[in-house]
Protein backbone atom coordinates (compact mmCIF):
# COMPACT_ATOMS: atom_id res chain seq x y z
CA MET A 1 3.56 -50.82 -26.42
CA ASP A 2 1.62 -48.57 -28.79
CA SER A 3 2.23 -49.57 -32.41
CA THR A 4 0.06 -46.81 -33.91
CA VAL A 5 1.46 -45.06 -36.98
CA VAL A 6 0.48 -41.41 -37.43
CA VAL A 7 1.00 -39.59 -40.71
CA ILE A 8 0.87 -35.81 -40.94
CA ALA A 9 0.87 -34.53 -44.49
CA ASP A 10 1.05 -30.82 -45.30
CA VAL A 11 0.44 -30.12 -48.99
CA THR A 12 0.05 -26.94 -50.98
CA ALA A 13 -1.67 -26.93 -54.34
CA LYS A 14 -0.47 -25.11 -57.38
CA PRO A 15 -2.65 -21.95 -57.09
CA GLU A 16 -4.79 -22.76 -60.10
CA HIS A 17 -5.53 -26.27 -58.74
CA ALA A 18 -6.60 -25.56 -55.14
CA GLU A 19 -10.26 -26.56 -55.60
CA GLN A 20 -9.39 -29.63 -57.66
CA LEU A 21 -6.85 -30.73 -55.05
CA GLY A 22 -9.38 -30.24 -52.26
CA ALA A 23 -11.90 -32.46 -54.04
CA ALA A 24 -9.28 -35.15 -54.73
CA LEU A 25 -8.13 -35.12 -51.10
CA GLU A 26 -11.73 -35.51 -49.90
CA GLU A 27 -12.16 -38.49 -52.23
CA LEU A 28 -8.90 -40.03 -51.01
CA ALA A 29 -9.79 -39.47 -47.35
CA ALA A 30 -13.19 -41.15 -47.80
CA ALA A 31 -11.59 -44.19 -49.45
CA CYS A 32 -8.85 -44.45 -46.82
CA ARG A 33 -11.38 -44.37 -43.99
CA THR A 34 -12.74 -47.70 -45.27
CA GLU A 35 -9.39 -49.47 -44.78
CA PRO A 36 -9.52 -51.97 -41.91
CA GLY A 37 -6.32 -50.60 -40.33
CA CYS A 38 -7.24 -46.92 -40.62
CA ARG A 39 -8.28 -45.55 -37.22
CA ALA A 40 -8.76 -41.96 -38.43
CA TYR A 41 -8.21 -39.77 -41.45
CA ASP A 42 -8.88 -36.08 -40.83
CA LEU A 43 -8.48 -33.43 -43.50
CA PHE A 44 -8.10 -29.71 -42.84
CA ARG A 45 -7.83 -26.62 -45.04
CA SER A 46 -5.94 -23.48 -44.06
CA THR A 47 -8.09 -20.44 -43.36
CA GLU A 48 -5.28 -18.11 -44.41
CA GLN A 49 -3.91 -20.08 -47.38
CA PRO A 50 -6.83 -21.83 -49.09
CA GLU A 51 -4.48 -23.77 -51.34
CA ARG A 52 -2.91 -25.46 -48.27
CA PHE A 53 -4.24 -28.72 -46.79
CA LEU A 54 -3.24 -30.80 -43.79
CA SER A 55 -4.16 -34.43 -43.21
CA VAL A 56 -3.73 -36.34 -39.97
CA GLU A 57 -3.95 -40.10 -40.47
CA LYS A 58 -3.80 -42.88 -37.87
CA TYR A 59 -3.13 -46.54 -38.66
CA THR A 60 -3.20 -49.43 -36.21
CA ASP A 61 0.40 -50.43 -36.96
CA ALA A 62 3.13 -50.46 -39.60
CA ALA A 63 1.45 -53.31 -41.50
CA ALA A 64 -1.79 -51.31 -41.75
CA PHE A 65 0.17 -48.32 -43.04
CA GLU A 66 1.91 -50.48 -45.64
CA ALA A 67 -1.48 -51.88 -46.70
CA HIS A 68 -2.71 -48.29 -47.06
CA ARG A 69 0.18 -47.41 -49.35
CA ALA A 70 -0.47 -50.55 -51.42
CA ALA A 71 -4.22 -49.87 -51.74
CA GLU A 72 -5.64 -49.31 -55.22
CA HIS A 73 -7.21 -45.98 -54.21
CA PHE A 74 -3.89 -44.69 -52.86
CA THR A 75 -2.21 -45.37 -56.19
CA ARG A 76 -5.11 -44.12 -58.30
CA ILE A 77 -6.12 -41.02 -56.32
CA GLY A 78 -3.08 -40.25 -54.18
CA LEU A 79 -0.33 -40.78 -56.71
CA GLY A 80 -2.35 -40.39 -59.90
CA THR A 81 -4.50 -37.35 -59.08
CA VAL A 82 -3.23 -35.61 -55.94
CA VAL A 83 0.53 -35.57 -56.53
CA PRO A 84 0.37 -33.84 -59.96
CA LEU A 85 -1.72 -31.01 -58.40
CA VAL A 86 0.69 -30.38 -55.54
CA GLU A 87 3.27 -27.62 -55.51
CA THR A 88 4.86 -28.52 -52.15
CA ARG A 89 4.42 -31.38 -49.71
CA ASP A 90 5.84 -32.42 -46.39
CA VAL A 91 4.91 -35.85 -45.06
CA GLN A 92 5.99 -36.90 -41.58
CA LEU A 93 5.59 -40.32 -39.91
CA PHE A 94 5.20 -40.79 -36.17
CA THR A 95 4.70 -43.76 -33.86
CA GLY A 96 2.95 -44.03 -30.52
CA ALA A 97 4.92 -42.30 -27.79
CA ASN A 98 5.26 -45.53 -25.83
CA SER A 99 7.09 -47.23 -28.70
CA VAL A 100 9.94 -44.70 -28.78
CA PRO A 101 12.77 -45.49 -26.35
CA PRO A 102 13.71 -42.62 -24.04
CA LYS A 103 17.02 -40.83 -24.65
CA SER A 104 19.79 -41.89 -22.31
């Protein structure tokens, strides 16, 4: 059974804060990549909407994801710097396909 947790976060900066948000997201991504349970943390910027960013994060399991959310850098950068710069955000959680029971 695959216990991987995948997070897809789609955030849009307030127009005047697009560059600042991009820098903060890069800093957050770099810190998150050092977490023992983080398998990947990829950050993308829209070519058509430069204020829009997408991150795709992979954690080994639910415990690793919880450790990520409890990390000092998540609180300091994610909640303290990133969130105030964001106009809209959509965060979705996924698990490995093998861990989801098939529909009857």
